[in-house]
């Protein structure tokens, strides 16, 4: 199962409880690293549109994707969910 299909099957189950801050934190760290939404999306197996919707808080990422973003961004899960 690819990351993309796994994420779709768990879209509501396991949703990150801190989704309101996750998008802001992903954006801040991604920009600090000089990484584009496109590059991040390709490294986690999702579309750039999905990353944009997470960063704009219109999509609730599941915990798996938050952990995957943390791994790609070189930070911890806790850093992405902190308020």
C-alpha atoms as a PDB file:
ATOM      1  CA  UNK A   1       0.000   0.000   0.000  1.00  0.00           C
ATOM      2  CA  UNK A   2       1.436   3.388  -0.924  1.00  0.00           C
ATOM      3  CA  UNK A   3       1.511   6.332   1.462  1.00  0.00           C
ATOM      4  CA  UNK A   4      -1.118   8.024  -0.677  1.00  0.00           C
ATOM      5  CA  UNK A   5      -3.631   5.173  -0.556  1.00  0.00           C
ATOM      6  CA  UNK A   6      -2.924   4.591   3.133  1.00  0.00           C
ATOM      7  CA  UNK A   7      -3.658   8.243   3.865  1.00  0.00           C
ATOM      8  CA  UNK A   8      -6.917   8.134   1.954  1.00  0.00           C
ATOM      9  CA  UNK A   9      -8.144   5.064   3.819  1.00  0.00           C
ATOM     10  CA  UNK A  10      -7.455   6.748   7.159  1.00  0.00           C
ATOM     11  CA  UNK A  11      -8.693  10.228   6.310  1.00  0.00           C
ATOM     12  CA  UNK A  12     -11.011  10.481   9.299  1.00  0.00           C
ATOM     13  CA  UNK A  13      -9.823   7.647  11.522  1.00  0.00           C
ATOM     14  CA  UNK A  14      -6.690   8.693  13.357  1.00  0.00           C
ATOM     15  CA  UNK A  15      -7.064  12.362  12.440  1.00  0.00           C
ATOM     16  CA  UNK A  16      -4.474  14.473  14.172  1.00  0.00           C
ATOM     17  CA  UNK A  17      -6.168  16.232  17.109  1.00  0.00           C
ATOM     18  CA  UNK A  18      -3.963  19.315  16.628  1.00  0.00           C
ATOM     19  CA  UNK A  19      -4.723  19.843  12.955  1.00  0.00           C
ATOM     20  CA  UNK A  20      -5.326  23.570  13.534  1.00  0.00           C
ATOM     21  CA  UNK A  21      -1.632  24.198  14.270  1.00  0.00           C
ATOM     22  CA  UNK A  22      -0.099  21.446  12.151  1.00  0.00           C
ATOM     23  CA  UNK A  23      -0.538  23.348   8.894  1.00  0.00           C
ATOM     24  CA  UNK A  24       1.113  26.483  10.271  1.00  0.00           C
ATOM     25  CA  UNK A  25       4.001  24.480  11.708  1.00  0.00           C
ATOM     26  CA  UNK A  26       4.531  22.469   8.515  1.00  0.00           C
ATOM     27  CA  UNK A  27       4.572  25.673   6.482  1.00  0.00           C
ATOM     28  CA  UNK A  28       6.985  27.436   8.863  1.00  0.00           C
ATOM     29  CA  UNK A  29       9.473  24.562   8.946  1.00  0.00           C
ATOM     30  CA  UNK A  30       9.166  23.888   5.212  1.00  0.00           C
ATOM     31  CA  UNK A  31       9.868  27.544   4.382  1.00  0.00           C
ATOM     32  CA  UNK A  32      12.742  27.683   6.897  1.00  0.00           C
ATOM     33  CA  UNK A  33      14.298  24.732   5.037  1.00  0.00           C
ATOM     34  CA  UNK A  34      13.697  26.385   1.658  1.00  0.00           C
ATOM     35  CA  UNK A  35      11.487  23.494   0.606  1.00  0.00           C
ATOM     36  CA  UNK A  36       8.566  23.926  -1.787  1.00  0.00           C
ATOM     37  CA  UNK A  37       5.146  22.391  -1.308  1.00  0.00           C
ATOM     38  CA  UNK A  38       5.838  20.401  -4.474  1.00  0.00           C
ATOM     39  CA  UNK A  39       9.057  18.900  -3.104  1.00  0.00           C
ATOM     40  CA  UNK A  40       7.480  18.014   0.246  1.00  0.00           C
ATOM     41  CA  UNK A  41       4.477  16.478  -1.469  1.00  0.00           C
ATOM     42  CA  UNK A  42       6.601  14.276  -3.698  1.00  0.00           C
ATOM     43  CA  UNK A  43       8.706  13.091  -0.766  1.00  0.00           C
ATOM     44  CA  UNK A  44       5.641  11.993   1.203  1.00  0.00           C
ATOM     45  CA  UNK A  45       3.742  10.646  -1.809  1.00  0.00           C
ATOM     46  CA  UNK A  46       0.901  13.166  -1.800  1.00  0.00           C
ATOM     47  CA  UNK A  47      -0.154  15.926  -4.183  1.00  0.00           C
ATOM     48  CA  UNK A  48       0.968  19.548  -3.796  1.00  0.00           C
ATOM     49  CA  UNK A  49      -2.725  20.432  -3.529  1.00  0.00           C
ATOM     50  CA  UNK A  50      -3.002  18.199  -0.463  1.00  0.00           C
ATOM     51  CA  UNK A  51      -0.061  19.963   1.222  1.00  0.00           C
ATOM     52  CA  UNK A  52      -1.618  23.343   0.439  1.00  0.00           C
ATOM     53  CA  UNK A  53      -4.951  22.257   1.903  1.00  0.00           C
ATOM     54  CA  UNK A  54      -3.262  21.021   5.099  1.00  0.00           C
ATOM     55  CA  UNK A  55      -1.334  24.273   5.421  1.00  0.00           C
ATOM     56  CA  UNK A  56      -4.538  26.260   4.823  1.00  0.00           C
ATOM     57  CA  UNK A  57      -6.416  24.143   7.408  1.00  0.00           C
ATOM     58  CA  UNK A  58      -9.042  22.957   4.926  1.00  0.00           C
ATOM     59  CA  UNK A  59      -7.892  19.326   5.268  1.00  0.00           C
ATOM     60  CA  UNK A  60      -7.336  17.427   8.500  1.00  0.00           C
ATOM     61  CA  UNK A  61      -4.193  15.328   8.175  1.00  0.00           C
ATOM     62  CA  UNK A  62      -4.098  11.967   9.856  1.00  0.00           C
ATOM     63  CA  UNK A  63      -1.430  11.128  12.409  1.00  0.00           C
ATOM     64  CA  UNK A  64       0.479   8.977   9.940  1.00  0.00           C
ATOM     65  CA  UNK A  65       0.906  11.879   7.531  1.00  0.00           C
ATOM     66  CA  UNK A  66       1.942  14.252  10.300  1.00  0.00           C
ATOM     67  CA  UNK A  67       4.605  11.744  11.354  1.00  0.00           C
ATOM     68  CA  UNK A  68       5.699  11.333   7.729  1.00  0.00           C
ATOM     69  CA  UNK A  69       5.960  15.102   7.264  1.00  0.00           C
ATOM     70  CA  UNK A  70       8.009  15.311  10.452  1.00  0.00           C
ATOM     71  CA  UNK A  71      10.398  12.683   9.139  1.00  0.00           C
ATOM     72  CA  UNK A  72      10.844  14.442   5.787  1.00  0.00           C
ATOM     73  CA  UNK A  73      11.191  17.875   7.418  1.00  0.00           C
ATOM     74  CA  UNK A  74      13.750  16.564   9.912  1.00  0.00           C
ATOM     75  CA  UNK A  75      11.736  17.431  13.002  1.00  0.00           C
ATOM     76  CA  UNK A  76       9.648  15.553  15.541  1.00  0.00           C
ATOM     77  CA  UNK A  77       5.912  14.873  15.538  1.00  0.00           C
ATOM     78  CA  UNK A  78       5.689  16.942  18.695  1.00  0.00           C
ATOM     79  CA  UNK A  79       7.226  19.963  16.959  1.00  0.00           C
ATOM     80  CA  UNK A  80       4.488  19.828  14.318  1.00  0.00           C
ATOM     81  CA  UNK A  81       1.625  19.572  16.807  1.00  0.00           C
ATOM     82  CA  UNK A  82       2.854  22.078  19.386  1.00  0.00           C
ATOM     83  CA  UNK A  83       0.794  25.216  19.868  1.00  0.00           C
END
